Amino acid sequence: MFSAPMATDVQAHITGTVWKIEVAVGDLVSEGQTCVILESMKMEMPVEAPASGRVEEIRCNEGQAVNEGDVLLVLV
């Protein structure tokens, strides 16, 4: 029986603005790789992949305001 891979949410760890998205749908990422850069109070904060996987979905846009805990992208 085939089981679908578990999805991993990559969440914002701070409230801020999406400054740059470093990955695209379909990209393979390694655990610890920077996926998104958030800007908060004039500081750039990298958001790293909590696990290795393939980018399944991007749920944010550059320039978008996000809150701590918002899902920025999904890995499988």
PDB file of N, CA and C in Angstrom:
ATOM      1  N   MET A   1       0.840  -1.191   0.000  1.00  0.00           N
ATOM      2  CA  MET A   1       0.000   0.000   0.000  1.00  0.00           C
ATOM      3  C   MET A   1       0.880   1.246   0.000  1.00  0.00           C
ATOM      4  N   PHE A   2       0.559   2.195  -0.844  1.00  0.00           N
ATOM      5  CA  PHE A   2       1.324   3.441  -0.946  1.00  0.00           C
ATOM      6  C   PHE A   2       0.785   4.459   0.043  1.00  0.00           C
ATOM      7  N   SER A   3       1.687   5.102   0.762  1.00  0.00           N
ATOM      8  CA  SER A   3       1.253   6.186   1.647  1.00  0.00           C
ATOM      9  C   SER A   3       1.902   7.480   1.168  1.00  0.00           C
ATOM     10  N   ALA A   4       1.121   8.518   1.141  1.00  0.00           N
ATOM     11  CA  ALA A   4       1.607   9.816   0.689  1.00  0.00           C
ATOM     12  C   ALA A   4       2.637  10.343   1.677  1.00  0.00           C
ATOM     13  N   PRO A   5       3.650  11.072   1.195  1.00  0.00           N
ATOM     14  CA  PRO A   5       4.637  11.641   2.109  1.00  0.00           C
ATOM     15  C   PRO A   5       3.996  12.666   3.034  1.00  0.00           C
ATOM     16  N   MET A   6       4.536  12.760   4.219  1.00  0.00           N
ATOM     17  CA  MET A   6       4.022  13.735   5.177  1.00  0.00           C
ATOM     18  C   MET A   6       4.430  15.141   4.743  1.00  0.00           C
ATOM     19  N   ALA A   7       3.496  16.042   4.774  1.00  0.00           N
ATOM     20  CA  ALA A   7       3.790  17.432   4.428  1.00  0.00           C
ATOM     21  C   ALA A   7       4.405  18.127   5.636  1.00  0.00           C
ATOM     22  N   THR A   8       5.339  19.020   5.371  1.00  0.00           N
ATOM     23  CA  THR A   8       5.980  19.817   6.413  1.00  0.00           C
ATOM     24  C   THR A   8       5.698  21.281   6.127  1.00  0.00           C
ATOM     25  N   ASP A   9       5.061  21.954   7.074  1.00  0.00           N
ATOM     26  CA  ASP A   9       4.794  23.382   6.931  1.00  0.00           C
ATOM     27  C   ASP A   9       6.043  24.171   7.323  1.00  0.00           C
ATOM     28  N   VAL A  10       6.379  25.163   6.512  1.00  0.00           N
ATOM     29  CA  VAL A  10       7.450  26.097   6.858  1.00  0.00           C
ATOM     30  C   VAL A  10       6.736  27.375   7.299  1.00  0.00           C
ATOM     31  N   GLN A  11       6.896  27.713   8.590  1.00  0.00           N
ATOM     32  CA  GLN A  11       6.139  28.808   9.176  1.00  0.00           C
ATOM     33  C   GLN A  11       7.011  30.028   9.439  1.00  0.00           C
ATOM     34  N   ALA A  12       6.356  31.185   9.443  1.00  0.00           N
ATOM     35  CA  ALA A  12       7.034  32.420   9.831  1.00  0.00           C
ATOM     36  C   ALA A  12       7.319  32.366  11.330  1.00  0.00           C
ATOM     37  N   HIS A  13       8.538  32.677  11.720  1.00  0.00           N
ATOM     38  CA  HIS A  13       8.893  32.675  13.135  1.00  0.00           C
ATOM     39  C   HIS A  13       8.802  34.068  13.759  1.00  0.00           C
ATOM     40  N   ILE A  14       8.486  35.053  12.926  1.00  0.00           N
ATOM     41  CA  ILE A  14       8.281  36.424  13.394  1.00  0.00           C
ATOM     42  C   ILE A  14       7.156  37.054  12.581  1.00  0.00           C
ATOM     43  N   THR A  15       6.621  38.141  13.086  1.00  0.00           N
ATOM     44  CA  THR A  15       5.673  38.946  12.315  1.00  0.00           C
ATOM     45  C   THR A  15       6.497  39.934  11.498  1.00  0.00           C
ATOM     46  N   GLY A  16       6.212  40.015  10.212  1.00  0.00           N
ATOM     47  CA  GLY A  16       6.972  40.924   9.352  1.00  0.00           C
ATOM     48  C   GLY A  16       6.441  40.911   7.937  1.00  0.00           C
ATOM     49  N   THR A  17       7.315  41.233   6.997  1.00  0.00           N
ATOM     50  CA  THR A  17       6.977  41.293   5.584  1.00  0.00           C
ATOM     51  C   THR A  17       7.860  40.313   4.821  1.00  0.00           C
ATOM     52  N   VAL A  18       7.262  39.591   3.868  1.00  0.00           N
ATOM     53  CA  VAL A  18       8.047  38.688   3.028  1.00  0.00           C
ATOM     54  C   VAL A  18       8.914  39.561   2.125  1.00  0.00           C
ATOM     55  N   TRP A  19      10.218  39.514   2.341  1.00  0.00           N
ATOM     56  CA  TRP A  19      11.146  40.334   1.564  1.00  0.00           C
ATOM     57  C   TRP A  19      11.571  39.609   0.295  1.00  0.00           C
ATOM     58  N   LYS A  20      11.883  38.310   0.424  1.00  0.00           N
ATOM     59  CA  LYS A  20      12.334  37.562  -0.748  1.00  0.00           C
ATOM     60  C   LYS A  20      12.001  36.083  -0.575  1.00  0.00           C
ATOM     61  N   ILE A  21      11.504  35.470  -1.645  1.00  0.00           N
ATOM     62  CA  ILE A  21      11.258  34.029  -1.669  1.00  0.00           C
ATOM     63  C   ILE A  21      12.416  33.404  -2.433  1.00  0.00           C
ATOM     64  N   GLU A  22      13.143  32.509  -1.777  1.00  0.00           N
ATOM     65  CA  GLU A  22      14.384  31.958  -2.326  1.00  0.00           C
ATOM     66  C   GLU A  22      14.183  30.643  -3.081  1.00  0.00           C
ATOM     67  N   VAL A  23      12.975  30.090  -3.053  1.00  0.00           N
ATOM     68  CA  VAL A  23      12.714  28.789  -3.683  1.00  0.00           C
ATOM     69  C   VAL A  23      11.505  28.885  -4.604  1.00  0.00           C
ATOM     70  N   ALA A  24      11.326  27.864  -5.421  1.00  0.00           N
ATOM     71  CA  ALA A  24      10.178  27.783  -6.325  1.00  0.00           C
ATOM     72  C   ALA A  24       9.515  26.421  -6.144  1.00  0.00           C
ATOM     73  N   VAL A  25       8.249  26.310  -6.543  1.00  0.00           N
ATOM     74  CA  VAL A  25       7.542  25.030  -6.485  1.00  0.00           C
ATOM     75  C   VAL A  25       8.334  24.003  -7.293  1.00  0.00           C
ATOM     76  N   GLY A  26       8.542  22.837  -6.680  1.00  0.00           N
ATOM     77  CA  GLY A  26       9.292  21.764  -7.333  1.00  0.00           C
ATOM     78  C   GLY A  26      10.750  21.695  -6.915  1.00  0.00           C
ATOM     79  N   ASP A  27      11.272  22.759  -6.304  1.00  0.00           N
ATOM     80  CA  ASP A  27      12.666  22.756  -5.860  1.00  0.00           C
ATOM     81  C   ASP A  27      12.868  21.751  -4.738  1.00  0.00           C
ATOM     82  N   LEU A  28      14.024  21.100  -4.739  1.00  0.00           N
ATOM     83  CA  LEU A  28      14.427  20.245  -3.627  1.00  0.00           C
ATOM     84  C   LEU A  28      15.220  21.106  -2.660  1.00  0.00           C
ATOM     85  N   VAL A  29      14.871  21.033  -1.375  1.00  0.00           N
ATOM     86  CA  VAL A  29      15.575  21.821  -0.362  1.00  0.00           C
ATOM     87  C   VAL A  29      16.123  20.891   0.710  1.00  0.00           C
ATOM     88  N   SER A  30      17.189  21.334   1.332  1.00  0.00           N
ATOM     89  CA  SER A  30      17.819  20.592   2.416  1.00  0.00           C
ATOM     90  C   SER A  30      17.400  21.194   3.751  1.00  0.00           C
ATOM     91  N   GLU A  31      17.392  20.376   4.791  1.00  0.00           N
ATOM     92  CA  GLU A  31      17.114  20.874   6.133  1.00  0.00           C
ATOM     93  C   GLU A  31      18.083  22.009   6.442  1.00  0.00           C
ATOM     94  N   GLY A  32      17.558  23.130   6.929  1.00  0.00           N
ATOM     95  CA  GLY A  32      18.385  24.282   7.267  1.00  0.00           C
ATOM     96  C   GLY A  32      18.596  25.270   6.133  1.00  0.00           C
ATOM     97  N   GLN A  33      18.148  24.917   4.925  1.00  0.00           N
ATOM     98  CA  GLN A  33      18.301  25.822   3.782  1.00  0.00           C
ATOM     99  C   GLN A  33      17.346  26.996   3.917  1.00  0.00           C
ATOM    100  N   THR A  34      17.819  28.199   3.596  1.00  0.00           N
ATOM    101  CA  THR A  34      16.964  29.386   3.626  1.00  0.00           C
ATOM    102  C   THR A  34      15.948  29.305   2.491  1.00  0.00           C
ATOM    103  N   CYS A  35      14.661  29.409   2.843  1.00  0.00           N
ATOM    104  CA  CYS A  35      13.575  29.340   1.860  1.00  0.00           C
ATOM    105  C   CYS A  35      12.956  30.706   1.602  1.00  0.00           C
ATOM    106  N   VAL A  36      12.811  31.482   2.661  1.00  0.00           N
ATOM    107  CA  VAL A  36      12.166  32.792   2.590  1.00  0.00           C
ATOM    108  C   VAL A  36      12.965  33.734   3.487  1.00  0.00           C
ATOM    109  N   ILE A  37      13.030  34.999   3.094  1.00  0.00           N
ATOM    110  CA  ILE A  37      13.637  36.012   3.964  1.00  0.00           C
ATOM    111  C   ILE A  37      12.536  36.993   4.352  1.00  0.00           C
ATOM    112  N   LEU A  38      12.359  37.155   5.660  1.00  0.00           N
ATOM    113  CA  LEU A  38      11.374  38.100   6.191  1.00  0.00           C
ATOM    114  C   LEU A  38      12.095  39.363   6.622  1.00  0.00           C
ATOM    115  N   GLU A  39      11.393  40.478   6.533  1.00  0.00           N
ATOM    116  CA  GLU A  39      11.924  41.758   7.000  1.00  0.00           C
ATOM    117  C   GLU A  39      11.043  42.226   8.146  1.00  0.00           C
ATOM    118  N   SER A  40      11.692  42.572   9.246  1.00  0.00           N
ATOM    119  CA  SER A  40      10.967  43.086  10.399  1.00  0.00           C
ATOM    120  C   SER A  40      11.850  44.120  11.083  1.00  0.00           C
ATOM    121  N   MET A  41      11.334  45.295  11.295  1.00  0.00           N
ATOM    122  CA  MET A  41      12.070  46.381  11.951  1.00  0.00           C
ATOM    123  C   MET A  41      13.434  46.609  11.290  1.00  0.00           C
ATOM    124  N   LYS A  42      13.450  46.626   9.958  1.00  0.00           N
ATOM    125  CA  LYS A  42      14.637  46.891   9.144  1.00  0.00           C
ATOM    126  C   LYS A  42      15.696  45.794   9.236  1.00  0.00           C
ATOM    127  N   MET A  43      15.327  44.626   9.788  1.00  0.00           N
ATOM    128  CA  MET A  43      16.245  43.496   9.858  1.00  0.00           C
ATOM    129  C   MET A  43      15.744  42.381   8.956  1.00  0.00           C
ATOM    130  N   GLU A  44      16.671  41.725   8.261  1.00  0.00           N
ATOM    131  CA  GLU A  44      16.324  40.576   7.421  1.00  0.00           C
ATOM    132  C   GLU A  44      16.516  39.302   8.234  1.00  0.00           C
ATOM    133  N   MET A  45      15.474  38.472   8.267  1.00  0.00           N
ATOM    134  CA  MET A  45      15.503  37.242   9.057  1.00  0.00           C
ATOM    135  C   MET A  45      15.224  36.054   8.139  1.00  0.00           C
ATOM    136  N   PRO A  46      16.197  35.139   7.969  1.00  0.00           N
ATOM    137  CA  PRO A  46      15.962  33.975   7.116  1.00  0.00           C
ATOM    138  C   PRO A  46      15.005  32.986   7.767  1.00  0.00           C
ATOM    139  N   VAL A  47      14.151  32.378   6.960  1.00  0.00           N
ATOM    140  CA  VAL A  47      13.287  31.286   7.408  1.00  0.00           C
ATOM    141  C   VAL A  47      13.835  30.028   6.746  1.00  0.00           C
ATOM    142  N   GLU A  48      14.263  29.082   7.579  1.00  0.00           N
ATOM    143  CA  GLU A  48      14.923  27.887   7.083  1.00  0.00           C
ATOM    144  C   GLU A  48      13.981  26.698   7.049  1.00  0.00           C
ATOM    145  N   ALA A  49      14.259  25.768   6.150  1.00  0.00           N
ATOM    146  CA  ALA A  49      13.472  24.534   6.054  1.00  0.00           C
ATOM    147  C   ALA A  49      13.714  23.691   7.310  1.00  0.00           C
ATOM    148  N   PRO A  50      12.647  23.266   7.988  1.00  0.00           N
ATOM    149  CA  PRO A  50      12.816  22.431   9.179  1.00  0.00           C
ATOM    150  C   PRO A  50      13.185  20.984   8.832  1.00  0.00           C
ATOM    151  N   ALA A  51      13.038  20.620   7.567  1.00  0.00           N
ATOM    152  CA  ALA A  51      13.351  19.266   7.100  1.00  0.00           C
ATOM    153  C   ALA A  51      13.657  19.339   5.609  1.00  0.00           C
ATOM    154  N   SER A  52      14.301  18.313   5.091  1.00  0.00           N
ATOM    155  CA  SER A  52      14.549  18.238   3.652  1.00  0.00           C
ATOM    156  C   SER A  52      13.258  17.845   2.945  1.00  0.00           C
ATOM    157  N   GLY A  53      13.122  18.260   1.701  1.00  0.00           N
ATOM    158  CA  GLY A  53      11.939  17.887   0.938  1.00  0.00           C
ATOM    159  C   GLY A  53      11.852  18.670  -0.357  1.00  0.00           C
ATOM    160  N   ARG A  54      10.709  18.510  -1.021  1.00  0.00           N
ATOM    161  CA  ARG A  54      10.432  19.224  -2.270  1.00  0.00           C
ATOM    162  C   ARG A  54       9.356  20.259  -1.990  1.00  0.00           C
ATOM    163  N   VAL A  55       9.527  21.451  -2.562  1.00  0.00           N
ATOM    164  CA  VAL A  55       8.547  22.527  -2.365  1.00  0.00           C
ATOM    165  C   VAL A  55       7.265  22.144  -3.108  1.00  0.00           C
ATOM    166  N   GLU A  56       6.205  21.911  -2.355  1.00  0.00           N
ATOM    167  CA  GLU A  56       4.915  21.506  -2.902  1.00  0.00           C
ATOM    168  C   GLU A  56       4.048  22.722  -3.210  1.00  0.00           C
ATOM    169  N   GLU A  57       4.131  23.724  -2.336  1.00  0.00           N
ATOM    170  CA  GLU A  57       3.215  24.872  -2.441  1.00  0.00           C
ATOM    171  C   GLU A  57       3.863  26.086  -1.778  1.00  0.00           C
ATOM    172  N   ILE A  58       3.709  27.248  -2.392  1.00  0.00           N
ATOM    173  CA  ILE A  58       4.150  28.508  -1.792  1.00  0.00           C
ATOM    174  C   ILE A  58       2.894  29.297  -1.457  1.00  0.00           C
ATOM    175  N   ARG A  59       2.749  29.654  -0.196  1.00  0.00           N
ATOM    176  CA  ARG A  59       1.518  30.307   0.271  1.00  0.00           C
ATOM    177  C   ARG A  59       1.705  31.777   0.602  1.00  0.00           C
ATOM    178  N   CYS A  60       2.783  32.377   0.128  1.00  0.00           N
ATOM    179  CA  CYS A  60       3.003  33.803   0.380  1.00  0.00           C
ATOM    180  C   CYS A  60       3.547  34.459  -0.885  1.00  0.00           C
ATOM    181  N   ASN A  61       3.541  35.764  -0.895  1.00  0.00           N
ATOM    182  CA  ASN A  61       4.074  36.550  -2.006  1.00  0.00           C
ATOM    183  C   ASN A  61       5.058  37.569  -1.457  1.00  0.00           C
ATOM    184  N   GLU A  62       6.040  37.938  -2.269  1.00  0.00           N
ATOM    185  CA  GLU A  62       6.962  38.981  -1.849  1.00  0.00           C
ATOM    186  C   GLU A  62       6.182  40.266  -1.599  1.00  0.00           C
ATOM    187  N   GLY A  63       6.495  40.937  -0.494  1.00  0.00           N
ATOM    188  CA  GLY A  63       5.805  42.160  -0.113  1.00  0.00           C
ATOM    189  C   GLY A  63       4.611  41.941   0.793  1.00  0.00           C
ATOM    190  N   GLN A  64       4.226  40.677   0.996  1.00  0.00           N
ATOM    191  CA  GLN A  64       3.057  40.351   1.818  1.00  0.00           C
ATOM    192  C   GLN A  64       3.409  40.433   3.300  1.00  0.00           C
ATOM    193  N   ALA A  65       2.514  40.993   4.090  1.00  0.00           N
ATOM    194  CA  ALA A  65       2.663  40.996   5.546  1.00  0.00           C
ATOM    195  C   ALA A  65       2.234  39.635   6.087  1.00  0.00           C
ATOM    196  N   VAL A  66       3.032  39.090   7.009  1.00  0.00           N
ATOM    197  CA  VAL A  66       2.717  37.797   7.615  1.00  0.00           C
ATOM    198  C   VAL A  66       2.836  37.897   9.129  1.00  0.00           C
ATOM    199  N   ASN A  67       2.133  37.016   9.804  1.00  0.00           N
ATOM    200  CA  ASN A  67       2.184  36.947  11.257  1.00  0.00           C
ATOM    201  C   ASN A  67       2.975  35.723  11.693  1.00  0.00           C
ATOM    202  N   GLU A  68       3.517  35.785  12.882  1.00  0.00           N
ATOM    203  CA  GLU A  68       4.215  34.633  13.441  1.00  0.00           C
ATOM    204  C   GLU A  68       3.294  33.418  13.401  1.00  0.00           C
ATOM    205  N   GLY A  69       3.790  32.301  12.879  1.00  0.00           N
ATOM    206  CA  GLY A  69       3.005  31.078  12.792  1.00  0.00           C
ATOM    207  C   GLY A  69       2.317  30.861  11.454  1.00  0.00           C
ATOM    208  N   ASP A  70       2.255  31.903  10.609  1.00  0.00           N
ATOM    209  CA  ASP A  70       1.654  31.734   9.278  1.00  0.00           C
ATOM    210  C   ASP A  70       2.474  30.738   8.468  1.00  0.00           C
ATOM    211  N   VAL A  71       1.796  29.887   7.695  1.00  0.00           N
ATOM    212  CA  VAL A  71       2.482  28.928   6.822  1.00  0.00           C
ATOM    213  C   VAL A  71       2.910  29.661   5.557  1.00  0.00           C
ATOM    214  N   LEU A  72       4.223  29.650   5.292  1.00  0.00           N
ATOM    215  CA  LEU A  72       4.781  30.344   4.130  1.00  0.00           C
ATOM    216  C   LEU A  72       4.880  29.418   2.932  1.00  0.00           C
ATOM    217  N   LEU A  73       5.263  28.155   3.193  1.00  0.00           N
ATOM    218  CA  LEU A  73       5.316  27.154   2.133  1.00  0.00           C
ATOM    219  C   LEU A  73       5.217  25.779   2.729  1.00  0.00           C
ATOM    220  N   VAL A  74       4.952  24.812   1.845  1.00  0.00           N
ATOM    221  CA  VAL A  74       4.746  23.417   2.259  1.00  0.00           C
ATOM    222  C   VAL A  74       5.757  22.557   1.531  1.00  0.00           C
ATOM    223  N   LEU A  75       6.428  21.682   2.291  1.00  0.00           N
ATOM    224  CA  LEU A  75       7.371  20.713   1.739  1.00  0.00           C
ATOM    225  C   LEU A  75       6.784  19.321   1.823  1.00  0.00           C
ATOM    226  N   VAL A  76       7.101  18.478   0.859  1.00  0.00           N
ATOM    227  CA  VAL A  76       6.736  17.043   0.928  1.00  0.00           C
ATOM    228  C   VAL A  76       7.963  16.211   0.657  1.00  0.00           C
TER     229      VAL A  76
END
